[in-house]
Amino acid sequence: MSDRSGAETRHGRMSSVTDGEALSPSPTGIVFLFDVDNTLLDNDRVTEDLQQYLEREVGRERQKRYWTIFEQLRAELGYADYLGALQRYRVEYPRDPHLLTVSHFLINYPFADRLYPSACAVIEHVARWGTAVILSDGDVVFQPRKIERSGLFKAVQGRVLIYIHKERELDDVKQRYPAGHYVLIDDKLSILSAVKTSWGPRVTTVFPRQGHYALDRQILARFPQADVTIARIGDLLDQNFSSLSIRA
């Protein structure tokens, strides 16, 4: 390894395409698949901000209870559901007057301020060789909101896929965005490994060492290395993808 939309929601996924644009790029080109949380956007910082806000609004004990519910729900669903956890919290504390302020905090959070440096510049950079697409996990309300408010929806011109388990939806990804070669950029080695196993040499996996998953030694020891490892997403500005263009 030397960018206004209609949208549809089905089976837990949302896909968006630019009006007037063909759904799929050329099958002979490259598609760059970007994860969002801790890949383009510092989601650990978002979580820290929410934790501090919750402690101020509902106190330490109830803040801890929210995160217990959050982790229980993530174990059930397989993805982070901040608003779903808030709904379950409400069942336990139906008269808590701070619930609406917490909901307002989440919905109106300034996600654009949490983009990693050069995140949007990287999306623009790779457009020289192919098509940039957001490939994310998450719920059908908060995750699309995050992508829109962060500016990432606009940066990829509405090309957004959100699944419950994206590594299980690769056939759908290929159908929507066929390509001669894929580049997957994700902070989770488990995802990179799963996609590499499925697609083999058809995909180049890129691992930005950002966020708590990417720095967890136990996780790192469980999975093979990615094709390319970088310290931060902005390092992709130094990459030239011409050789992949020739391969595709």
Protein backbone atom coordinates (compact mmCIF):
# COMPACT_ATOMS: atom_id res chain seq x y z
CA MET A 1 0.00 0.00 0.00
CA SER A 2 3.14 2.27 -0.96
CA ASP A 3 -16.44 11.31 -0.45
CA ARG A 4 -29.11 14.69 -0.30
CA SER A 5 -29.56 11.11 0.70
CA GLY A 6 -32.35 8.58 0.71
CA ALA A 7 -32.21 5.98 3.44
CA GLU A 8 -33.65 2.60 4.22
CA THR A 9 -33.71 0.54 7.36
CA ARG A 10 -34.08 -3.21 7.32
CA HIS A 11 -32.95 -6.09 9.50
CA GLY A 12 -31.11 -3.74 11.85
CA ARG A 13 -29.09 -1.92 9.19
CA MET A 14 -29.27 1.51 7.61
CA SER A 15 -27.81 2.29 4.23
CA SER A 16 -27.70 5.67 2.57
CA VAL A 17 -26.77 6.72 -0.93
CA THR A 18 -26.41 10.08 -2.60
CA ASP A 19 -29.39 11.15 -4.70
CA GLY A 20 -28.87 10.50 -8.38
CA GLU A 21 -25.81 8.31 -7.73
CA ALA A 22 -25.64 4.68 -8.68
CA LEU A 23 -25.92 2.49 -5.60
CA SER A 24 -22.65 0.73 -6.40
CA PRO A 25 -19.27 1.99 -7.60
CA SER A 26 -17.32 0.30 -10.35
CA PRO A 27 -16.57 -3.36 -9.54
CA THR A 28 -13.03 -2.81 -10.84
CA GLY A 29 -12.19 -0.04 -8.35
CA ILE A 30 -11.39 0.20 -4.65
CA VAL A 31 -13.86 0.69 -1.82
CA PHE A 32 -12.50 2.06 1.47
CA LEU A 33 -14.63 0.88 4.40
CA PHE A 34 -14.25 3.11 7.46
CA ASP A 35 -15.38 2.19 10.94
CA VAL A 36 -16.55 5.13 13.09
CA ASP A 37 -16.07 4.67 16.83
CA ASN A 38 -12.40 5.01 17.83
CA THR A 39 -11.44 4.91 14.16
CA LEU A 40 -12.63 8.26 12.83
CA LEU A 41 -14.18 9.53 16.05
CA ASP A 42 -12.82 9.42 19.61
CA ASN A 43 -15.68 7.51 21.18
CA ASP A 44 -13.73 6.88 24.38
CA ARG A 45 -13.81 10.64 24.94
CA VAL A 46 -17.56 10.69 24.31
CA THR A 47 -18.00 7.97 26.92
CA GLU A 48 -15.88 9.88 29.43
CA ASP A 49 -17.95 13.02 28.88
CA LEU A 50 -21.17 11.09 29.38
CA GLN A 51 -19.82 9.46 32.54
CA GLN A 52 -18.94 12.87 34.02
CA TYR A 53 -22.30 14.31 33.01
CA LEU A 54 -24.20 11.40 34.54
CA GLU A 55 -22.31 11.69 37.81
CA ARG A 56 -23.17 15.39 38.03
CA GLU A 57 -26.83 14.82 37.19
CA VAL A 58 -27.75 11.57 38.98
CA GLY A 59 -24.85 10.91 41.37
CA ARG A 60 -22.13 8.31 41.43
CA GLU A 61 -24.22 5.28 42.39
CA ARG A 62 -26.86 5.81 39.73
CA GLN A 63 -24.16 6.66 37.20
CA LYS A 64 -22.58 3.28 37.93
CA ARG A 65 -25.98 1.62 37.61
CA TYR A 66 -26.43 3.15 34.15
CA TRP A 67 -23.15 1.67 32.95
CA THR A 68 -24.04 -1.73 34.41
CA ILE A 69 -27.26 -1.65 32.40
CA PHE A 70 -25.32 -0.43 29.38
CA GLU A 71 -22.91 -3.38 29.52
CA GLN A 72 -25.73 -5.86 30.05
CA LEU A 73 -27.52 -4.52 27.00
CA ARG A 74 -24.36 -4.57 24.91
CA ALA A 75 -23.86 -8.23 25.82
CA GLU A 76 -27.41 -8.96 24.66
CA LEU A 77 -27.34 -6.94 21.44
CA GLY A 78 -23.72 -7.10 20.40
CA TYR A 79 -23.36 -3.33 20.04
CA ALA A 80 -23.44 -0.21 22.22
CA ASP A 81 -26.94 1.19 22.74
CA TYR A 82 -26.74 4.37 24.84
CA LEU A 83 -30.37 5.34 24.44
CA GLY A 84 -31.58 1.79 25.01
CA ALA A 85 -29.65 1.69 28.26
CA LEU A 86 -31.25 4.97 29.25
CA GLN A 87 -34.69 3.48 28.60
CA ARG A 88 -33.90 0.53 30.87
CA TYR A 89 -32.51 2.88 33.49
CA ARG A 90 -35.83 4.73 33.35
CA VAL A 91 -37.71 1.52 34.24
CA GLU A 92 -35.72 1.34 37.47
CA TYR A 93 -35.94 5.06 38.22
CA PRO A 94 -39.19 6.23 36.58
CA ARG A 95 -39.40 9.43 38.64
CA ASP A 96 -35.83 10.61 38.12
CA PRO A 97 -36.18 14.23 36.90
CA HIS A 98 -32.73 14.17 35.30
CA LEU A 99 -33.59 11.65 32.59
CA LEU A 100 -34.64 14.28 30.08
CA THR A 101 -31.42 16.25 30.55
CA VAL A 102 -29.36 13.11 29.97
CA SER A 103 -31.33 12.35 26.82
CA HIS A 104 -30.78 15.92 25.62
CA PHE A 105 -27.07 15.58 26.32
CA LEU A 106 -26.81 12.46 24.16
CA ILE A 107 -28.90 13.67 21.24
CA ASN A 108 -27.21 17.07 21.04
CA TYR A 109 -23.66 16.04 21.81
CA PRO A 110 -21.09 17.94 19.64
CA PHE A 111 -19.66 14.90 17.89
CA ALA A 112 -17.81 17.00 15.34
CA ASP A 113 -15.54 18.13 18.19
CA ARG A 114 -14.55 14.52 18.80
CA LEU A 115 -13.33 13.61 15.34
CA TYR A 116 -9.71 12.54 15.36
CA PRO A 117 -7.33 15.01 13.73
CA SER A 118 -7.35 14.70 9.92
CA ALA A 119 -10.27 12.21 9.92
CA CYS A 120 -12.17 14.00 7.18
CA ALA A 121 -8.93 14.79 5.34
CA VAL A 122 -8.21 11.06 5.19
CA ILE A 123 -11.60 10.40 3.62
CA GLU A 124 -10.86 13.06 1.02
CA HIS A 125 -7.37 11.62 0.50
CA VAL A 126 -8.50 8.08 -0.33
CA ALA A 127 -11.05 9.39 -2.84
CA ARG A 128 -8.12 9.71 -5.26
CA TRP A 129 -8.13 5.93 -5.60
CA GLY A 130 -11.65 4.81 -4.80
CA THR A 131 -14.90 5.25 -2.91
CA ALA A 132 -15.13 5.94 0.82
CA VAL A 133 -17.96 4.23 2.71
CA ILE A 134 -18.85 4.24 6.42
CA LEU A 135 -19.22 0.68 7.72
CA SER A 136 -20.41 0.71 11.33
CA ASP A 137 -22.25 -1.25 14.01
CA GLY A 138 -24.92 0.29 16.18
CA ASP A 139 -28.55 1.06 16.87
CA VAL A 140 -30.87 2.70 14.33
CA VAL A 141 -31.26 6.06 16.13
CA PHE A 142 -28.16 7.16 18.01
CA GLN A 143 -25.50 5.84 15.65
CA PRO A 144 -26.94 7.56 12.55
CA ARG A 145 -27.31 10.73 14.64
CA LYS A 146 -23.66 10.52 15.66
CA ILE A 147 -22.52 10.03 12.06
CA GLU A 148 -24.62 12.96 10.84
CA ARG A 149 -23.70 15.43 13.61
CA SER A 150 -20.02 14.59 13.39
CA GLY A 151 -19.92 15.58 9.72
CA LEU A 152 -18.99 12.08 8.59
CA PHE A 153 -22.25 11.56 6.71
CA LYS A 154 -21.44 14.57 4.56
CA ALA A 155 -17.78 13.59 4.21
CA VAL A 156 -18.69 10.25 2.60
CA GLN A 157 -21.53 11.83 0.59
CA GLY A 158 -24.14 9.75 2.40
CA ARG A 159 -22.55 6.38 1.77
CA VAL A 160 -23.29 4.83 5.17
CA LEU A 161 -23.93 1.24 6.23
CA ILE A 162 -24.92 0.45 9.81
CA TYR A 163 -25.45 -3.14 10.88
CA ILE A 164 -25.95 -5.06 14.10
CA HIS A 165 -22.91 -7.23 13.31
CA LYS A 166 -21.16 -5.86 10.25
CA GLU A 167 -18.76 -8.78 9.95
CA ARG A 168 -21.81 -11.01 9.34
CA GLU A 169 -23.18 -8.80 6.56
CA LEU A 170 -20.29 -8.90 4.10
CA ASP A 171 -22.44 -10.29 1.30
CA ASP A 172 -24.71 -7.28 1.62
CA VAL A 173 -21.71 -4.95 1.65
CA LYS A 174 -20.39 -6.49 -1.56
CA GLN A 175 -23.81 -6.27 -3.20
CA ARG A 176 -24.21 -2.61 -2.35
CA TYR A 177 -20.61 -1.63 -3.05
CA PRO A 178 -18.94 -4.16 -5.36
CA ALA A 179 -15.25 -3.57 -5.91
CA GLY A 180 -12.11 -5.18 -7.22
CA HIS A 181 -10.47 -4.59 -3.85
CA TYR A 182 -11.51 -3.41 -0.40
CA VAL A 183 -9.59 -1.54 2.28
CA LEU A 184 -11.08 -1.97 5.76
CA ILE A 185 -10.01 0.52 8.44
CA ASP A 186 -11.11 -0.50 11.95
CA ASP A 187 -9.82 -0.23 15.53
CA LYS A 188 -10.94 -3.78 16.38
CA LEU A 189 -8.61 -6.62 15.44
CA SER A 190 -11.50 -9.06 15.86
CA ILE A 191 -13.41 -7.36 13.04
CA LEU A 192 -10.34 -7.08 10.83
CA SER A 193 -9.53 -10.74 11.38
CA ALA A 194 -13.08 -11.90 10.64
CA VAL A 195 -13.25 -9.94 7.40
CA LYS A 196 -9.79 -11.09 6.34
CA THR A 197 -10.81 -14.69 6.91
CA SER A 198 -13.88 -14.19 4.73
CA TRP A 199 -12.42 -12.06 1.94
CA GLY A 200 -8.79 -13.12 1.98
CA PRO A 201 -6.51 -11.24 -0.44
CA ARG A 202 -9.47 -9.25 -1.73
CA VAL A 203 -9.21 -6.99 1.33
CA THR A 204 -6.39 -4.99 2.87
CA THR A 205 -6.93 -4.55 6.62
CA VAL A 206 -5.73 -1.39 8.34
CA PHE A 207 -5.48 -1.19 12.13
CA PRO A 208 -5.28 2.28 13.74
CA ARG A 209 -3.98 1.91 17.31
CA GLN A 210 -6.62 4.19 18.82
CA GLY A 211 -9.05 3.61 21.65
CA HIS A 212 -9.18 1.05 24.43
CA TYR A 213 -9.83 -1.99 22.23
CA ALA A 214 -6.76 -1.26 20.11
CA LEU A 215 -4.55 -0.95 23.19
CA ASP A 216 -5.82 -3.99 25.12
CA ARG A 217 -2.94 -6.47 25.25
CA GLN A 218 -5.21 -9.46 25.81
CA ILE A 219 -7.22 -8.63 22.70
CA LEU A 220 -4.05 -8.00 20.70
CA ALA A 221 -2.72 -11.41 21.68
CA ARG A 222 -5.85 -13.24 20.52
CA PHE A 223 -5.88 -12.14 16.89
CA PRO A 224 -3.39 -12.01 14.02
CA GLN A 225 -1.90 -8.70 13.01
CA ALA A 226 -3.60 -6.59 10.38
CA ASP A 227 -2.02 -6.08 6.97
CA VAL A 228 -1.16 -2.52 7.98
CA THR A 229 -0.87 -1.03 11.47
CA ILE A 230 -0.79 2.73 12.02
CA ALA A 231 -0.55 4.82 15.17
CA ARG A 232 -3.43 7.14 14.25
CA ILE A 233 -5.98 7.62 11.49
CA GLY A 234 -4.15 10.70 10.19
CA ASP A 235 -1.20 8.49 9.22
CA LEU A 236 -3.20 7.35 6.19
CA LEU A 237 -2.47 10.74 4.64
CA ASP A 238 1.04 9.42 4.05
CA GLN A 239 -0.18 6.29 2.28
CA ASN A 240 -0.27 5.86 -1.49
CA PHE A 241 -2.84 3.36 -2.74
CA SER A 242 -1.73 3.30 -6.36
CA SER A 243 -0.56 -0.31 -6.15
CA LEU A 244 -4.00 -1.37 -4.97
CA SER A 245 -5.53 0.51 -7.89
CA ILE A 246 -3.42 -1.55 -10.26
CA ARG A 247 -4.36 -4.77 -8.44
CA ALA A 248 -8.08 -3.92 -8.52
